[in-house]
């Protein structure tokens, strides 16, 4: 289901699906490269101020809104 959803999406705040390779044993999903780690590690490392956190939350909610629509 996730791969099917990613195939239909095109949004700057949602990772881009490049390709999917399947054989009898494996499914390999190729996604766009995003430098860095997960959001929690990013927030720990950067310790952003309230303005920066508001920007991150806005990007998250815009991506979620796109998916829900």
Protein backbone atom coordinates (compact mmCIF):
# COMPACT_ATOMS: atom_id res chain seq x y z
CA UNK A 1 0.00 0.00 0.00
CA UNK A 2 2.78 2.46 0.85
CA UNK A 3 4.43 2.00 -2.54
CA UNK A 4 1.12 2.56 -4.32
CA UNK A 5 0.57 5.76 -2.34
CA UNK A 6 4.10 7.01 -3.08
CA UNK A 7 3.57 6.35 -6.80
CA UNK A 8 0.64 8.80 -6.74
CA UNK A 9 2.32 11.58 -4.76
CA UNK A 10 4.21 14.63 -5.89
CA UNK A 11 4.84 17.06 -3.05
CA UNK A 12 7.98 18.86 -1.85
CA UNK A 13 7.56 17.57 1.73
CA UNK A 14 7.02 13.91 0.84
CA UNK A 15 9.90 11.66 -0.14
CA UNK A 16 9.94 10.85 -3.86
CA UNK A 17 9.71 7.27 -5.08
CA UNK A 18 12.30 6.64 -7.80
CA UNK A 19 11.56 3.03 -8.71
CA UNK A 20 10.52 -0.38 -7.40
CA UNK A 21 12.24 -3.64 -8.31
CA UNK A 22 10.57 -6.95 -7.54
CA UNK A 23 11.63 -10.54 -7.94
CA UNK A 24 10.33 -13.78 -6.44
CA UNK A 25 12.14 -13.14 -3.15
CA UNK A 26 12.49 -9.38 -2.61
CA UNK A 27 10.90 -6.03 -3.19
CA UNK A 28 13.46 -3.22 -3.44
CA UNK A 29 12.19 0.32 -3.12
CA UNK A 30 14.42 3.13 -4.41
CA UNK A 31 13.67 6.48 -2.75
CA UNK A 32 15.20 9.91 -3.20
CA UNK A 33 18.29 10.48 -1.06
CA UNK A 34 17.71 12.67 1.97
CA UNK A 35 20.81 13.65 3.87
CA UNK A 36 20.73 13.35 7.62
CA UNK A 37 18.93 11.16 10.08
CA UNK A 38 15.42 10.97 11.47
CA UNK A 39 13.56 14.03 12.74
CA UNK A 40 14.25 13.30 16.42
CA UNK A 41 18.03 13.14 15.82
CA UNK A 42 17.85 16.33 13.77
CA UNK A 43 16.04 18.17 16.56
CA UNK A 44 18.48 16.87 19.20
CA UNK A 45 21.49 17.94 17.15
CA UNK A 46 20.21 21.36 16.04
CA UNK A 47 18.17 22.32 19.12
CA UNK A 48 16.07 24.71 17.01
CA UNK A 49 14.22 27.71 18.35
CA UNK A 50 10.43 28.02 18.37
CA UNK A 51 10.36 29.72 14.93
CA UNK A 52 12.25 26.83 13.31
CA UNK A 53 10.04 24.24 15.03
CA UNK A 54 6.95 26.07 13.71
CA UNK A 55 8.38 25.77 10.18
CA UNK A 56 8.95 22.03 10.64
CA UNK A 57 5.44 21.46 12.01
CA UNK A 58 3.98 23.44 9.11
CA UNK A 59 5.86 21.30 6.58
CA UNK A 60 4.64 18.13 8.31
CA UNK A 61 1.03 19.29 8.34
CA UNK A 62 1.18 20.42 4.69
CA UNK A 63 2.47 16.98 3.69
CA UNK A 64 -0.24 15.24 5.73
CA UNK A 65 -2.94 17.51 4.30
CA UNK A 66 -1.77 16.65 0.78
CA UNK A 67 -1.97 12.93 1.55
CA UNK A 68 -5.42 13.19 3.09
CA UNK A 69 -6.75 15.11 0.10
